[in-house]
């Protein structure tokens, strides 16, 4: 086995797909490819992800404070703004992702991306294609949880037939009797704002972006009742404005996604005119409602990028 450590790591503000994909892919590389792969995170674990890790008795990956001088495999992201700190001094040797490509590299590397609902789907595909590798119930549980999370229990517009097919196979291995029921249980872990201050709500799943010479940030949080977020709107918007000023963002948006009604109330601070152009409707009282918008990367970002680029 190669002795040099290769860290498998996802994006900042790690979600369930990022963390579980890193754990599972590192386990596969170590067992099947004899690579000294170690899963890592570059941020705090959220309650949903902790619930999944507890369910399948998996340890929280170590936090990589700085990637400087390290070898990395990036999962669930490829854009520089979402990389771990110190990435400028790291050597990226592989990328496994399901987002749009925003990656530049000075030398050829393994780069695998597909338009599926979850990076965990791609990890599971690699495992299943390797006839010598057996997916353990623990790894199956982590991967199916990531798929259920990222596809919002198959409700997101990013969901594909491949995600559903692989989730069913993984569910059997993990001995999960009812995938949708289990998926809802997972989503409920992060579907309440109780005990969270405004900053934690915004950063629970937050990603910075850059397009057309503008920097902006988009957060997303899932709820089962929009009223809870509406009751804290002023507090959240004030913190969003502070973040925009501090980070030099043109605007900050927070998708408050109702997983029951399948739509998102988007809070916005900063240059809201961009949102109005992108979605063809006015921003009223610093927010805009988008029906059927469940996915940041498919329902929210593409219209924005079209306007900015």
Protein backbone atom coordinates (compact mmCIF):
# COMPACT_ATOMS: atom_id res chain seq x y z
CA UNK A 1 0.00 0.00 0.00
CA UNK A 2 1.21 3.48 -0.84
CA UNK A 3 2.39 5.04 2.42
CA UNK A 4 1.87 8.69 1.49
CA UNK A 5 -1.50 9.92 2.72
CA UNK A 6 -4.02 11.08 0.14
CA UNK A 7 -6.91 13.01 1.66
CA UNK A 8 -10.38 12.51 0.19
CA UNK A 9 -12.24 15.71 0.96
CA UNK A 10 -15.43 17.52 0.00
CA UNK A 11 -16.48 21.16 -0.03
CA UNK A 12 -16.56 23.68 2.79
CA UNK A 13 -19.73 23.69 4.94
CA UNK A 14 -19.83 19.90 4.49
CA UNK A 15 -23.18 18.21 3.92
CA UNK A 16 -24.13 14.54 4.07
CA UNK A 17 -23.16 13.80 0.47
CA UNK A 18 -19.73 15.41 0.87
CA UNK A 19 -18.94 13.58 4.12
CA UNK A 20 -20.35 10.15 3.30
CA UNK A 21 -18.87 10.15 -0.20
CA UNK A 22 -15.44 11.00 1.24
CA UNK A 23 -15.67 8.20 3.82
CA UNK A 24 -16.88 5.61 1.33
CA UNK A 25 -14.52 6.52 -1.50
CA UNK A 26 -11.52 6.53 0.85
CA UNK A 27 -12.54 3.08 2.13
CA UNK A 28 -12.83 1.78 -1.43
CA UNK A 29 -9.47 3.18 -2.53
CA UNK A 30 -7.77 1.77 0.55
CA UNK A 31 -9.25 -1.71 0.20
CA UNK A 32 -9.45 -2.16 -3.58
CA UNK A 33 -6.63 0.05 -4.88
CA UNK A 34 -4.16 -0.20 -1.98
CA UNK A 35 -4.00 3.58 -1.73
CA UNK A 36 -3.47 5.18 1.67
CA UNK A 37 -6.64 7.26 1.34
CA UNK A 38 -7.99 9.09 4.39
CA UNK A 39 -11.38 10.86 4.52
CA UNK A 40 -11.33 14.44 5.76
CA UNK A 41 -13.61 17.45 6.16
CA UNK A 42 -12.96 21.18 5.98
CA UNK A 43 -15.78 22.34 8.25
CA UNK A 44 -18.16 21.38 11.04
CA UNK A 45 -20.59 18.47 10.63
CA UNK A 46 -24.27 19.43 10.56
CA UNK A 47 -26.98 17.63 12.62
CA UNK A 48 -28.29 15.66 9.64
CA UNK A 49 -24.86 14.25 8.80
CA UNK A 50 -24.15 13.46 12.45
CA UNK A 51 -27.44 11.55 12.60
CA UNK A 52 -26.40 9.45 9.58
CA UNK A 53 -22.94 8.75 10.98
CA UNK A 54 -24.47 7.70 14.29
CA UNK A 55 -26.98 5.44 12.55
CA UNK A 56 -24.24 3.47 10.83
CA UNK A 57 -21.61 3.78 13.57
CA UNK A 58 -19.16 5.72 11.44
CA UNK A 59 -16.61 8.16 12.85
CA UNK A 60 -16.55 11.83 11.90
CA UNK A 61 -13.59 12.33 9.50
CA UNK A 62 -10.66 14.35 10.79
CA UNK A 63 -10.69 18.05 9.97
CA UNK A 64 -8.01 19.14 7.52
CA UNK A 65 -7.05 22.57 8.81
CA UNK A 66 -4.79 23.28 5.84
CA UNK A 67 -4.33 21.38 2.59
CA UNK A 68 -0.95 23.01 1.99
CA UNK A 69 1.62 20.39 0.96
CA UNK A 70 -0.96 17.57 0.85
CA UNK A 71 -2.27 15.31 -1.92
CA UNK A 72 -6.02 15.57 -2.41
CA UNK A 73 -8.91 13.82 -4.08
CA UNK A 74 -11.83 16.22 -4.31
CA UNK A 75 -15.35 14.84 -3.99
CA UNK A 76 -18.69 16.62 -4.41
CA UNK A 77 -17.10 19.86 -5.64
CA UNK A 78 -14.51 21.17 -8.05
CA UNK A 79 -14.70 24.98 -7.90
CA UNK A 80 -11.76 26.69 -6.22
CA UNK A 81 -13.93 28.82 -3.94
CA UNK A 82 -15.25 25.65 -2.29
CA UNK A 83 -11.84 23.97 -1.87
CA UNK A 84 -10.27 23.49 1.57
CA UNK A 85 -7.97 26.22 2.88
CA UNK A 86 -4.39 25.99 1.65
CA UNK A 87 -5.37 24.29 -1.60
CA UNK A 88 -2.96 26.54 -3.52
CA UNK A 89 -0.08 24.53 -2.08
CA UNK A 90 -1.75 21.13 -2.51
CA UNK A 91 -1.57 18.60 -5.31
CA UNK A 92 -5.01 17.59 -6.57
CA UNK A 93 -4.81 14.16 -8.19
CA UNK A 94 -8.48 13.36 -8.81
CA UNK A 95 -11.97 14.88 -8.82
CA UNK A 96 -15.26 12.99 -8.41
CA UNK A 97 -18.26 15.28 -8.63
CA UNK A 98 -21.80 15.91 -9.91
CA UNK A 99 -21.76 19.71 -10.17
CA UNK A 100 -20.99 22.06 -13.05
CA UNK A 101 -17.34 22.24 -14.02
CA UNK A 102 -15.42 25.24 -12.76
CA UNK A 103 -12.01 23.60 -12.53
CA UNK A 104 -8.63 24.57 -13.96
CA UNK A 105 -5.53 22.43 -13.59
CA UNK A 106 -2.03 22.80 -15.00
CA UNK A 107 -1.62 19.07 -15.62
CA UNK A 108 -3.81 16.09 -16.60
CA UNK A 109 -5.67 14.40 -13.74
CA UNK A 110 -8.52 11.93 -13.32
CA UNK A 111 -11.69 14.02 -13.52
CA UNK A 112 -15.05 12.26 -13.31
CA UNK A 113 -18.30 14.19 -13.30
CA UNK A 114 -21.84 13.16 -14.24
CA UNK A 115 -25.21 14.93 -13.97
CA UNK A 116 -26.66 12.72 -11.26
CA UNK A 117 -28.34 13.67 -7.98
CA UNK A 118 -25.49 12.77 -5.66
CA UNK A 119 -21.76 12.15 -5.67
CA UNK A 120 -22.51 9.08 -3.56
CA UNK A 121 -24.20 7.60 -6.63
CA UNK A 122 -20.91 7.82 -8.53
CA UNK A 123 -18.96 6.32 -5.62
CA UNK A 124 -21.43 3.42 -5.43
CA UNK A 125 -21.17 2.88 -9.20
CA UNK A 126 -17.40 2.49 -8.94
CA UNK A 127 -17.77 0.01 -6.11
CA UNK A 128 -20.43 -2.03 -7.87
CA UNK A 129 -18.39 -2.16 -11.09
CA UNK A 130 -15.50 -3.72 -9.15
CA UNK A 131 -16.53 -7.37 -8.84
CA UNK A 132 -13.81 -8.03 -6.26
CA UNK A 133 -15.06 -5.34 -3.89
CA UNK A 134 -17.91 -6.04 -1.47
CA UNK A 135 -19.90 -3.10 -0.16
CA UNK A 136 -20.40 -3.50 3.58
CA UNK A 137 -23.78 -2.71 5.19
CA UNK A 138 -22.13 0.30 6.84
CA UNK A 139 -20.85 1.78 3.56
CA UNK A 140 -24.16 0.99 1.87
CA UNK A 141 -25.99 2.84 4.65
CA UNK A 142 -23.76 5.90 4.38
CA UNK A 143 -24.05 6.05 0.60
CA UNK A 144 -27.82 5.57 0.43
CA UNK A 145 -28.23 8.23 3.13
CA UNK A 146 -26.20 10.65 1.03
CA UNK A 147 -28.32 9.94 -2.04
CA UNK A 148 -31.55 10.41 -0.09
CA UNK A 149 -30.23 13.64 1.37
CA UNK A 150 -28.95 15.24 -1.83
CA UNK A 151 -32.01 14.27 -3.88
CA UNK A 152 -34.33 15.38 -1.04
CA UNK A 153 -35.76 11.85 -0.91
CA UNK A 154 -36.00 11.73 -4.73
CA UNK A 155 -38.04 14.98 -4.89
CA UNK A 156 -35.26 17.20 -6.25
CA UNK A 157 -35.15 17.96 -9.97
CA UNK A 158 -31.57 16.67 -9.95
CA UNK A 159 -32.78 13.11 -9.25
CA UNK A 160 -32.12 10.57 -12.01
CA UNK A 161 -33.20 6.97 -12.57
CA UNK A 162 -29.64 5.94 -11.77
CA UNK A 163 -29.86 7.54 -8.32
CA UNK A 164 -33.07 5.68 -7.55
CA UNK A 165 -31.84 2.33 -8.87
CA UNK A 166 -28.59 2.49 -6.94
CA UNK A 167 -30.33 3.73 -3.79
CA UNK A 168 -32.62 0.70 -3.87
CA UNK A 169 -29.67 -1.69 -4.18
CA UNK A 170 -27.81 0.06 -1.37
CA UNK A 171 -30.93 0.11 0.78
CA UNK A 172 -31.17 -3.67 0.59
CA UNK A 173 -27.53 -4.07 1.60
CA UNK A 174 -28.04 -1.68 4.50
CA UNK A 175 -31.24 -3.53 5.50
CA UNK A 176 -33.40 -0.40 5.25
CA UNK A 177 -37.01 -1.52 4.86
CA UNK A 178 -38.55 1.76 3.68
CA UNK A 179 -36.21 4.15 1.86
CA UNK A 180 -38.60 7.10 1.69
CA UNK A 181 -39.52 6.84 5.36
CA UNK A 182 -35.85 6.66 6.30
CA UNK A 183 -35.07 9.57 3.98
CA UNK A 184 -37.69 11.79 5.61
CA UNK A 185 -36.24 10.89 9.02
CA UNK A 186 -32.82 12.02 7.75
CA UNK A 187 -34.15 15.32 6.38
CA UNK A 188 -36.02 16.10 9.59
CA UNK A 189 -32.71 16.26 11.44
CA UNK A 190 -31.89 19.52 9.68
CA UNK A 191 -35.44 20.70 9.04
CA UNK A 192 -35.79 22.81 12.16
CA UNK A 193 -34.15 26.11 12.98
CA UNK A 194 -34.50 25.66 16.73
CA UNK A 195 -31.28 26.14 18.61
CA UNK A 196 -29.56 27.71 15.59
CA UNK A 197 -28.45 31.33 15.47
CA UNK A 198 -28.74 33.29 12.22
CA UNK A 199 -25.13 32.70 11.22
CA UNK A 200 -25.42 28.95 11.68
CA UNK A 201 -28.63 28.88 9.63
CA UNK A 202 -26.95 30.70 6.72
CA UNK A 203 -23.73 28.69 6.85
CA UNK A 204 -25.31 25.27 7.44
CA UNK A 205 -24.98 24.61 3.70
CA UNK A 206 -23.31 27.62 2.14
CA UNK A 207 -21.25 27.95 -1.04
CA UNK A 208 -19.44 30.97 -2.50
CA UNK A 209 -19.47 31.54 -6.27
CA UNK A 210 -18.02 33.94 -8.82
CA UNK A 211 -19.37 34.84 -12.24
CA UNK A 212 -19.30 37.88 -14.50
CA UNK A 213 -16.82 39.60 -12.23
CA UNK A 214 -19.16 39.32 -9.24
CA UNK A 215 -18.71 37.27 -6.09
CA UNK A 216 -21.79 36.01 -4.29
CA UNK A 217 -22.83 33.39 -1.76
CA UNK A 218 -25.80 31.03 -1.72
CA UNK A 219 -26.91 29.10 1.34
CA UNK A 220 -29.67 26.52 1.59
CA UNK A 221 -31.57 25.11 4.52
CA UNK A 222 -34.48 22.69 4.51
CA UNK A 223 -37.61 23.08 6.64
CA UNK A 224 -40.98 21.39 6.96
CA UNK A 225 -42.74 24.72 7.57
CA UNK A 226 -41.66 28.06 6.08
CA UNK A 227 -43.33 29.92 8.94
CA UNK A 228 -40.41 29.10 11.22
CA UNK A 229 -37.97 30.91 8.93
CA UNK A 230 -40.38 33.76 8.21
CA UNK A 231 -40.55 34.43 11.96
CA UNK A 232 -36.78 35.00 12.01
CA UNK A 233 -36.46 36.72 8.66
CA UNK A 234 -35.27 40.13 9.92
CA UNK A 235 -32.55 38.54 12.06
CA UNK A 236 -31.36 36.31 9.21
CA UNK A 237 -31.33 39.14 6.65
CA UNK A 238 -29.28 41.34 8.96
CA UNK A 239 -26.64 38.63 9.30
CA UNK A 240 -26.70 38.01 5.52
CA UNK A 241 -25.99 41.71 4.92
CA UNK A 242 -23.06 41.54 7.36
CA UNK A 243 -21.65 38.50 5.54
CA UNK A 244 -22.00 40.22 2.16
CA UNK A 245 -20.07 43.26 3.39
CA UNK A 246 -17.40 41.19 5.16
CA UNK A 247 -16.75 38.84 2.20
CA UNK A 248 -17.14 41.41 -0.56
CA UNK A 249 -20.17 39.65 -2.07
CA UNK A 250 -22.49 41.46 -4.47
CA UNK A 251 -25.32 39.60 -2.79
CA UNK A 252 -26.05 36.73 -0.44
CA UNK A 253 -29.06 34.47 -0.96
CA UNK A 254 -30.54 31.86 1.35
CA UNK A 255 -32.82 29.20 -0.10
CA UNK A 256 -35.28 28.18 2.60
CA UNK A 257 -36.57 24.98 1.02
CA UNK A 258 -39.88 23.52 2.16
CA UNK A 259 -39.42 19.77 1.63
CA UNK A 260 -43.16 19.15 2.05
CA UNK A 261 -44.49 21.82 -0.34
CA UNK A 262 -41.52 21.42 -2.70
CA UNK A 263 -40.58 25.04 -3.16
CA UNK A 264 -38.14 27.63 -1.79
CA UNK A 265 -38.51 31.04 -0.22
CA UNK A 266 -35.28 32.84 -1.11
CA UNK A 267 -34.07 35.52 1.30
CA UNK A 268 -31.76 38.03 -0.39
CA UNK A 269 -29.37 40.73 0.82
CA UNK A 270 -27.39 43.01 -1.47
CA UNK A 271 -27.94 43.51 -5.20
CA UNK A 272 -31.37 41.86 -5.49
CA UNK A 273 -31.85 43.22 -9.01
CA UNK A 274 -29.80 40.25 -10.25
CA UNK A 275 -32.37 37.86 -8.79
CA UNK A 276 -35.23 39.77 -10.40
CA UNK A 277 -33.57 39.53 -13.81
CA UNK A 278 -32.79 35.85 -13.33
CA UNK A 279 -36.24 34.72 -12.24
CA UNK A 280 -38.47 37.30 -13.90
CA UNK A 281 -40.32 38.34 -10.75
CA UNK A 282 -39.89 41.09 -8.17
CA UNK A 283 -38.05 40.66 -4.89
CA UNK A 284 -40.56 41.79 -2.26
CA UNK A 285 -39.51 42.50 1.32
CA UNK A 286 -36.08 41.02 0.54
CA UNK A 287 -37.39 37.66 -0.58
CA UNK A 288 -38.74 35.80 -3.59
CA UNK A 289 -40.69 32.53 -3.72
CA UNK A 290 -39.69 29.94 -6.31
CA UNK A 291 -42.13 27.10 -6.87
CA UNK A 292 -40.63 23.62 -7.39
CA UNK A 293 -37.14 25.00 -6.67
CA UNK A 294 -35.50 22.27 -4.59
CA UNK A 295 -31.97 22.26 -5.94
CA UNK A 296 -29.41 25.04 -5.69
CA UNK A 297 -27.30 23.67 -8.52
CA UNK A 298 -30.12 22.96 -10.97
CA UNK A 299 -33.05 25.24 -10.08
CA UNK A 300 -31.32 28.30 -8.65
CA UNK A 301 -27.80 28.72 -10.02
CA UNK A 302 -28.34 28.26 -13.79
CA UNK A 303 -30.71 31.27 -14.21
CA UNK A 304 -28.33 33.37 -12.11
CA UNK A 305 -25.27 32.36 -14.10
CA UNK A 306 -27.07 33.11 -17.37
CA UNK A 307 -27.69 36.69 -16.24
CA UNK A 308 -24.20 37.19 -14.80
CA UNK A 309 -22.21 35.62 -17.62
